[in-house]
Amino acid sequence: MNNATMHQILIESGWLDNLNCDGCVHTNVNDLRQYVLENLADPNGESGVLLLTEECFDSENLYDPYKILNNMYNLAVGDVDKQAFMNAFKDAYETPEALFDDANRFLASQGVDKAFYILPQVDQMVFYVYKPISVYQKALELGLPLDAVYEWWEDDECE
């Protein structure tokens, strides 16, 4: 996907207004927004959705979910009670999807209109975001390619 298209989708969907960096690499939301915008600066450049990652973990760490859950809670801080959030999960998960399903069920049970979404996976890394459901759905409707790591990889495969 070219940068101009991705930039437009991120604006129209409200994605850029709903960035979250609590517990992620960037120290504040303005740094994260600047990082995304700098990567989209060349309108003809190509961007993949991994640019949007707010947090990630190695799926091999699922045997010890405490750190993962703590990072997830940091993204959801203010939306849920930490003790309730941490206690809502079982001790082990076999897949990241199962962990995210439980997390999203918990959020819904608390009346939170946000969810955790897994971005395209590279190797064993799990990249994810925490977004309002309406923002994520709008981004999908506008064409954010969340089914491919990089749009240009698909183009290369077709040649």
C-alpha atoms as a PDB file:
ATOM      1  CA  MET A   1       0.000   0.000   0.000  1.00  0.00           C
ATOM      2  CA  ASN A   2       1.474   3.373  -0.876  1.00  0.00           C
ATOM      3  CA  ASN A   3       2.058   5.875   1.891  1.00  0.00           C
ATOM      4  CA  ALA A   4      -0.466   8.428   0.614  1.00  0.00           C
ATOM      5  CA  THR A   5      -3.275   5.854   0.710  1.00  0.00           C
ATOM      6  CA  MET A   6      -2.296   4.545   4.123  1.00  0.00           C
ATOM      7  CA  HIS A   7      -2.035   8.085   5.514  1.00  0.00           C
ATOM      8  CA  GLN A   8      -5.524   8.902   4.232  1.00  0.00           C
ATOM      9  CA  ILE A   9      -6.988   5.727   5.757  1.00  0.00           C
ATOM     10  CA  LEU A  10      -5.339   6.451   9.109  1.00  0.00           C
ATOM     11  CA  ILE A  11      -6.805   9.964   9.141  1.00  0.00           C
ATOM     12  CA  GLU A  12     -10.309   9.064   7.925  1.00  0.00           C
ATOM     13  CA  SER A  13     -10.662   6.078  10.254  1.00  0.00           C
ATOM     14  CA  GLY A  14      -9.534   8.021  13.313  1.00  0.00           C
ATOM     15  CA  TRP A  15      -6.532   5.714  13.773  1.00  0.00           C
ATOM     16  CA  LEU A  16      -4.070   8.590  14.233  1.00  0.00           C
ATOM     17  CA  ASP A  17      -6.372  10.129  16.853  1.00  0.00           C
ATOM     18  CA  ASN A  18      -6.435   6.840  18.773  1.00  0.00           C
ATOM     19  CA  LEU A  19      -2.771   5.925  19.026  1.00  0.00           C
ATOM     20  CA  ASN A  20      -1.750   4.146  22.182  1.00  0.00           C
ATOM     21  CA  CYS A  21       1.782   3.828  23.458  1.00  0.00           C
ATOM     22  CA  ASP A  22       1.458   3.015  27.161  1.00  0.00           C
ATOM     23  CA  GLY A  23       3.956   0.245  27.650  1.00  0.00           C
ATOM     24  CA  CYS A  24       5.321   0.331  24.109  1.00  0.00           C
ATOM     25  CA  VAL A  25       8.656   1.383  22.653  1.00  0.00           C
ATOM     26  CA  HIS A  26       7.658   5.028  22.225  1.00  0.00           C
ATOM     27  CA  THR A  27       7.571   7.137  25.357  1.00  0.00           C
ATOM     28  CA  ASN A  28       4.496   9.143  24.483  1.00  0.00           C
ATOM     29  CA  VAL A  29       1.746   9.327  21.926  1.00  0.00           C
ATOM     30  CA  ASN A  30       3.268  12.348  20.172  1.00  0.00           C
ATOM     31  CA  ASP A  31       6.507  10.406  19.572  1.00  0.00           C
ATOM     32  CA  LEU A  32       4.489   7.505  18.191  1.00  0.00           C
ATOM     33  CA  ARG A  33       2.430   9.790  15.920  1.00  0.00           C
ATOM     34  CA  GLN A  34       5.649  11.463  14.699  1.00  0.00           C
ATOM     35  CA  TYR A  35       7.194   8.040  13.996  1.00  0.00           C
ATOM     36  CA  VAL A  36       4.182   6.966  11.921  1.00  0.00           C
ATOM     37  CA  LEU A  37       3.998  10.262  10.036  1.00  0.00           C
ATOM     38  CA  GLU A  38       7.740  10.276   9.299  1.00  0.00           C
ATOM     39  CA  ASN A  39       7.422   6.785   7.841  1.00  0.00           C
ATOM     40  CA  LEU A  40       4.542   7.966   5.656  1.00  0.00           C
ATOM     41  CA  ALA A  41       6.294  11.184   4.567  1.00  0.00           C
ATOM     42  CA  ASP A  42       7.111   9.994   1.038  1.00  0.00           C
ATOM     43  CA  PRO A  43       3.644   9.766  -0.562  1.00  0.00           C
ATOM     44  CA  ASN A  44       4.927   7.346  -3.212  1.00  0.00           C
ATOM     45  CA  GLY A  45       6.714   5.101  -0.721  1.00  0.00           C
ATOM     46  CA  GLU A  46       5.335   1.737   0.359  1.00  0.00           C
ATOM     47  CA  SER A  47       4.215   0.982   3.915  1.00  0.00           C
ATOM     48  CA  GLY A  48       3.126  -2.172   5.587  1.00  0.00           C
ATOM     49  CA  VAL A  49       0.745  -2.419   8.516  1.00  0.00           C
ATOM     50  CA  LEU A  50       3.548  -3.427  10.894  1.00  0.00           C
ATOM     51  CA  LEU A  51       4.309   0.291  11.021  1.00  0.00           C
ATOM     52  CA  LEU A  52       1.172   0.535  13.169  1.00  0.00           C
ATOM     53  CA  THR A  53       2.375  -1.895  15.868  1.00  0.00           C
ATOM     54  CA  GLU A  54       1.775  -0.668  19.399  1.00  0.00           C
ATOM     55  CA  GLU A  55       3.208  -3.737  21.140  1.00  0.00           C
ATOM     56  CA  CYS A  56       4.589  -7.164  20.271  1.00  0.00           C
ATOM     57  CA  PHE A  57       5.848 -10.389  21.813  1.00  0.00           C
ATOM     58  CA  ASP A  58       7.497 -13.602  20.768  1.00  0.00           C
ATOM     59  CA  SER A  59       4.819 -16.304  20.609  1.00  0.00           C
ATOM     60  CA  GLU A  60       7.251 -18.728  22.254  1.00  0.00           C
ATOM     61  CA  ASN A  61       6.686 -16.715  25.467  1.00  0.00           C
ATOM     62  CA  LEU A  62       3.089 -17.923  25.776  1.00  0.00           C
ATOM     63  CA  TYR A  63       4.151 -20.423  28.430  1.00  0.00           C
ATOM     64  CA  ASP A  64       4.695 -17.443  30.770  1.00  0.00           C
ATOM     65  CA  PRO A  65       1.954 -14.928  29.953  1.00  0.00           C
ATOM     66  CA  TYR A  66       2.529 -12.518  32.874  1.00  0.00           C
ATOM     67  CA  LYS A  67       4.729 -10.061  30.928  1.00  0.00           C
ATOM     68  CA  ILE A  68       2.428 -10.208  27.909  1.00  0.00           C
ATOM     69  CA  LEU A  69      -0.636  -9.577  30.078  1.00  0.00           C
ATOM     70  CA  ASN A  70       1.119  -6.725  31.872  1.00  0.00           C
ATOM     71  CA  ASN A  71       1.910  -5.073  28.511  1.00  0.00           C
ATOM     72  CA  MET A  72      -1.673  -5.616  27.369  1.00  0.00           C
ATOM     73  CA  TYR A  73      -2.920  -4.052  30.596  1.00  0.00           C
ATOM     74  CA  ASN A  74      -0.597  -1.068  30.062  1.00  0.00           C
ATOM     75  CA  LEU A  75      -2.305  -0.434  26.729  1.00  0.00           C
ATOM     76  CA  ALA A  76      -5.727  -0.749  28.390  1.00  0.00           C
ATOM     77  CA  VAL A  77      -4.842   1.301  31.477  1.00  0.00           C
ATOM     78  CA  GLY A  78      -7.758   3.489  32.463  1.00  0.00           C
ATOM     79  CA  ASP A  79     -10.240   1.166  30.775  1.00  0.00           C
ATOM     80  CA  VAL A  80     -10.041  -1.766  33.218  1.00  0.00           C
ATOM     81  CA  ASP A  81      -9.024  -2.596  36.772  1.00  0.00           C
ATOM     82  CA  LYS A  82      -5.534  -4.112  36.762  1.00  0.00           C
ATOM     83  CA  GLN A  83      -6.216  -6.848  39.313  1.00  0.00           C
ATOM     84  CA  ALA A  84      -9.422  -7.907  37.581  1.00  0.00           C
ATOM     85  CA  PHE A  85      -7.668  -7.884  34.211  1.00  0.00           C
ATOM     86  CA  MET A  86      -4.702  -9.939  35.404  1.00  0.00           C
ATOM     87  CA  ASN A  87      -6.968 -12.430  37.217  1.00  0.00           C
ATOM     88  CA  ALA A  88      -9.234 -12.965  34.201  1.00  0.00           C
ATOM     89  CA  PHE A  89      -6.816 -15.221  32.364  1.00  0.00           C
ATOM     90  CA  LYS A  90      -5.839 -18.835  32.686  1.00  0.00           C
ATOM     91  CA  ASP A  91      -2.247 -19.824  33.348  1.00  0.00           C
ATOM     92  CA  ALA A  92      -1.305 -21.048  29.891  1.00  0.00           C
ATOM     93  CA  TYR A  93      -2.290 -20.479  26.277  1.00  0.00           C
ATOM     94  CA  GLU A  94      -1.433 -22.535  23.240  1.00  0.00           C
ATOM     95  CA  THR A  95      -2.032 -19.766  20.700  1.00  0.00           C
ATOM     96  CA  PRO A  96      -1.893 -15.974  20.756  1.00  0.00           C
ATOM     97  CA  GLU A  97      -5.397 -15.950  19.264  1.00  0.00           C
ATOM     98  CA  ALA A  98      -6.769 -17.756  22.333  1.00  0.00           C
ATOM     99  CA  LEU A  99      -5.169 -15.181  24.630  1.00  0.00           C
ATOM    100  CA  PHE A 100      -6.570 -12.310  22.566  1.00  0.00           C
ATOM    101  CA  ASP A 101     -10.025 -13.935  22.484  1.00  0.00           C
ATOM    102  CA  ASP A 102     -10.021 -14.095  26.296  1.00  0.00           C
ATOM    103  CA  ALA A 103      -8.745 -10.515  26.574  1.00  0.00           C
ATOM    104  CA  ASN A 104     -11.423  -9.208  24.225  1.00  0.00           C
ATOM    105  CA  ARG A 105     -14.164 -11.166  26.002  1.00  0.00           C
ATOM    106  CA  PHE A 106     -12.998  -9.639  29.285  1.00  0.00           C
ATOM    107  CA  LEU A 107     -13.013  -6.130  27.802  1.00  0.00           C
ATOM    108  CA  ALA A 108     -16.548  -6.642  26.454  1.00  0.00           C
ATOM    109  CA  SER A 109     -17.720  -7.950  29.849  1.00  0.00           C
ATOM    110  CA  GLN A 110     -16.448  -4.709  31.387  1.00  0.00           C
ATOM    111  CA  GLY A 111     -18.285  -2.574  28.832  1.00  0.00           C
ATOM    112  CA  VAL A 112     -15.076  -1.444  27.105  1.00  0.00           C
ATOM    113  CA  ASP A 113     -15.625  -0.627  23.422  1.00  0.00           C
ATOM    114  CA  LYS A 114     -12.003  -1.341  22.503  1.00  0.00           C
ATOM    115  CA  ALA A 115     -10.244  -4.558  21.579  1.00  0.00           C
ATOM    116  CA  PHE A 116      -6.810  -6.036  20.972  1.00  0.00           C
ATOM    117  CA  TYR A 117      -6.096  -6.865  17.340  1.00  0.00           C
ATOM    118  CA  ILE A 118      -3.281  -9.024  16.023  1.00  0.00           C
ATOM    119  CA  LEU A 119      -1.527  -7.552  13.013  1.00  0.00           C
ATOM    120  CA  PRO A 120       0.023  -9.807  10.362  1.00  0.00           C
ATOM    121  CA  GLN A 121       2.518 -12.177  11.926  1.00  0.00           C
ATOM    122  CA  VAL A 122       6.175 -12.413  10.889  1.00  0.00           C
ATOM    123  CA  ASP A 123       7.981 -15.557  12.019  1.00  0.00           C
ATOM    124  CA  GLN A 124       6.960 -16.192  15.624  1.00  0.00           C
ATOM    125  CA  MET A 125       6.414 -12.517  16.509  1.00  0.00           C
ATOM    126  CA  VAL A 126       2.931 -11.355  17.434  1.00  0.00           C
ATOM    127  CA  PHE A 127       2.365  -7.675  16.609  1.00  0.00           C
ATOM    128  CA  TYR A 128      -0.752  -6.049  17.969  1.00  0.00           C
ATOM    129  CA  VAL A 129      -2.720  -2.882  18.619  1.00  0.00           C
ATOM    130  CA  TYR A 130      -5.396  -1.792  21.071  1.00  0.00           C
ATOM    131  CA  LYS A 131      -8.060   0.240  19.324  1.00  0.00           C
ATOM    132  CA  PRO A 132     -11.671   1.321  19.617  1.00  0.00           C
ATOM    133  CA  ILE A 133     -13.690  -1.276  17.725  1.00  0.00           C
ATOM    134  CA  SER A 134     -15.260   1.397  15.500  1.00  0.00           C
ATOM    135  CA  VAL A 135     -11.844   2.780  14.480  1.00  0.00           C
ATOM    136  CA  TYR A 136     -10.500  -0.652  13.586  1.00  0.00           C
ATOM    137  CA  GLN A 137     -13.631  -1.533  11.594  1.00  0.00           C
ATOM    138  CA  LYS A 138     -13.552   1.803   9.758  1.00  0.00           C
ATOM    139  CA  ALA A 139      -9.874   1.253   8.853  1.00  0.00           C
ATOM    140  CA  LEU A 140     -10.782  -2.168   7.433  1.00  0.00           C
ATOM    141  CA  GLU A 141     -13.705  -0.711   5.464  1.00  0.00           C
ATOM    142  CA  LEU A 142     -11.406   1.963   4.026  1.00  0.00           C
ATOM    143  CA  GLY A 143      -8.967  -0.724   2.859  1.00  0.00           C
ATOM    144  CA  LEU A 144      -6.248  -1.030   5.503  1.00  0.00           C
ATOM    145  CA  PRO A 145      -4.632  -4.321   4.401  1.00  0.00           C
ATOM    146  CA  LEU A 146      -4.583  -6.243   7.659  1.00  0.00           C
ATOM    147  CA  ASP A 147      -4.476  -9.574   5.822  1.00  0.00           C
ATOM    148  CA  ALA A 148      -0.947  -9.087   4.447  1.00  0.00           C
ATOM    149  CA  VAL A 149       2.292  -7.996   6.047  1.00  0.00           C
ATOM    150  CA  TYR A 150       3.289  -5.784   3.138  1.00  0.00           C
ATOM    151  CA  GLU A 151       1.089  -5.117   0.162  1.00  0.00           C
ATOM    152  CA  TRP A 152       4.087  -5.117  -2.202  1.00  0.00           C
ATOM    153  CA  TRP A 153       5.031  -8.657  -1.168  1.00  0.00           C
ATOM    154  CA  GLU A 154       1.748  -9.835  -2.649  1.00  0.00           C
ATOM    155  CA  ASP A 155       2.472  -7.884  -5.862  1.00  0.00           C
ATOM    156  CA  ASP A 156       5.923  -9.510  -6.125  1.00  0.00           C
ATOM    157  CA  GLU A 157       4.421 -12.973  -5.770  1.00  0.00           C
ATOM    158  CA  CYS A 158       2.048 -12.369  -8.673  1.00  0.00           C
ATOM    159  CA  GLU A 159       4.812 -11.537 -11.156  1.00  0.00           C
END
